[in-house]
Protein backbone atom coordinates (compact mmCIF):
# COMPACT_ATOMS: atom_id res chain seq x y z
CA MET A 1 -0.69 -48.47 5.83
CA ALA A 2 1.00 -45.30 6.93
CA LYS A 3 0.96 -42.48 4.44
CA ASN A 4 4.16 -40.65 3.69
CA GLN A 5 2.92 -37.27 4.91
CA GLN A 6 5.24 -34.32 4.98
CA LYS A 7 4.86 -31.69 7.69
CA TYR A 8 5.00 -28.06 6.61
CA SER A 9 5.63 -25.08 8.84
CA ILE A 10 2.92 -22.51 9.44
CA GLU A 11 5.08 -19.86 7.79
CA PHE A 12 5.43 -21.97 4.65
CA LYS A 13 1.70 -22.61 4.47
CA GLU A 14 1.00 -18.90 4.85
CA TYR A 15 3.61 -18.00 2.23
CA VAL A 16 2.15 -20.42 -0.32
CA SER A 17 -1.38 -19.19 0.47
CA LYS A 18 -0.27 -15.59 -0.10
CA LEU A 19 1.21 -16.57 -3.45
CA ILE A 20 -2.17 -17.87 -4.50
CA VAL A 21 -4.49 -15.31 -2.90
CA LEU A 22 -2.51 -12.08 -3.14
CA ASP A 23 -0.19 -12.68 -6.09
CA GLY A 24 -2.79 -14.50 -8.19
CA LYS A 25 -0.72 -17.60 -8.87
CA LYS A 26 -2.71 -20.61 -10.04
CA MET A 27 -3.19 -23.30 -7.46
CA ILE A 28 -2.55 -26.08 -9.97
CA ASP A 29 0.80 -24.53 -10.97
CA ILE A 30 1.92 -24.15 -7.36
CA SER A 31 0.80 -27.71 -6.66
CA LYS A 32 2.91 -29.10 -9.49
CA GLU A 33 5.88 -26.84 -8.82
CA LEU A 34 6.12 -27.56 -5.10
CA LYS A 35 4.78 -31.13 -5.32
CA ILE A 36 2.04 -30.46 -2.80
CA PRO A 37 -1.33 -32.19 -3.26
CA TYR A 38 -3.96 -29.90 -4.78
CA ASP A 39 -6.53 -30.60 -2.05
CA THR A 40 -3.95 -29.75 0.61
CA LEU A 41 -3.41 -26.37 -1.04
CA GLN A 42 -7.16 -25.83 -1.14
CA LYS A 43 -7.33 -26.34 2.62
CA TRP A 44 -4.44 -23.94 3.23
CA VAL A 45 -5.93 -21.26 1.01
CA SER A 46 -9.38 -21.68 2.54
CA SER A 47 -7.90 -21.32 6.02
CA TYR A 48 -5.89 -18.27 4.97
CA ARG A 49 -8.94 -16.56 3.45
CA LYS A 50 -10.97 -17.29 6.58
CA LYS A 51 -8.25 -15.70 8.74
CA GLN A 52 -8.21 -12.65 6.46
CA GLN A 53 -11.98 -12.26 6.72
CA GLU A 54 -11.90 -12.59 10.51
CA ALA A 55 -9.14 -9.99 10.74
CA LYS A 56 -11.11 -7.65 8.49
CA LYS A 57 -14.27 -8.09 10.59
CA SER A 58 -12.43 -7.48 13.85
CA LYS A 59 -10.83 -4.37 12.39
CA GLN A 60 -14.22 -3.08 11.25
CA ASN A 61 -15.81 -3.77 14.62
CA ARG A 62 -13.14 -1.89 16.53
CA LEU A 63 -14.31 1.46 17.85
CA LEU A 64 -12.20 4.51 17.16
CA THR A 65 -11.21 7.05 19.73
CA ALA A 66 -11.70 10.72 18.93
CA SER A 67 -7.99 11.22 18.24
CA GLU A 68 -7.84 8.17 15.94
CA TYR A 69 -10.90 9.40 14.06
CA LYS A 70 -9.35 12.86 13.73
CA GLU A 71 -6.12 11.36 12.35
CA LEU A 72 -8.03 9.29 9.80
CA TYR A 73 -10.13 12.29 8.79
CA GLU A 74 -7.07 14.50 8.34
CA ALA A 75 -5.26 11.82 6.32
CA GLU A 76 -8.28 11.40 4.02
CA LEU A 77 -8.61 15.17 3.67
CA SER A 78 -4.95 15.59 2.72
CA LYS A 79 -5.24 12.74 0.19
CA ARG A 80 -8.30 14.36 -1.35
CA LEU A 81 -6.60 17.76 -1.57
CA GLU A 82 -3.54 16.17 -3.17
CA ILE A 83 -5.68 14.39 -5.75
CA GLU A 84 -7.62 17.57 -6.52
CA GLU A 85 -4.34 19.43 -7.02
CA GLU A 86 -3.05 16.71 -9.36
CA ASN A 87 -6.31 16.84 -11.32
CA THR A 88 -6.04 20.60 -11.69
CA ILE A 89 -2.48 20.30 -12.99
CA LEU A 90 -3.51 17.57 -15.43
CA LYS A 91 -6.43 19.65 -16.70
CA LYS A 92 -4.14 22.61 -17.32
CA ALA A 93 -1.61 20.38 -19.10
CA MET A 94 -4.34 18.82 -21.22
CA HIS A 95 -5.59 22.29 -22.17
CA ILE A 96 -2.08 23.39 -23.17
CA PHE A 97 -1.39 20.28 -25.27
CA THR A 98 -4.78 20.31 -27.01
CA GLN A 99 -4.58 23.91 -28.18
CA GLU A 100 -4.10 24.29 -31.90
CA LYS A 101 -1.06 26.21 -32.99
């Protein structure tokens, strides 16, 4: 009794997993739409999530050099300054629009 199993490429499995994990598509809908067994999708998604977690852990465990740390610090500082500037502008605009005439 040989099952009629279809082979899917790694790229396809990853694409479908991204649809579910990142785009928030429902697994049951994808299963029906692509005619892939639900439990097969569960395995793909589980594997994809595990790979994401491992990549995140390895990225966190990586040590930064002084120059990399400086670049990150400067990027965060510029982001913070930009946000503070935007907040100041918004506060001024709010003050102007809320004044009674």
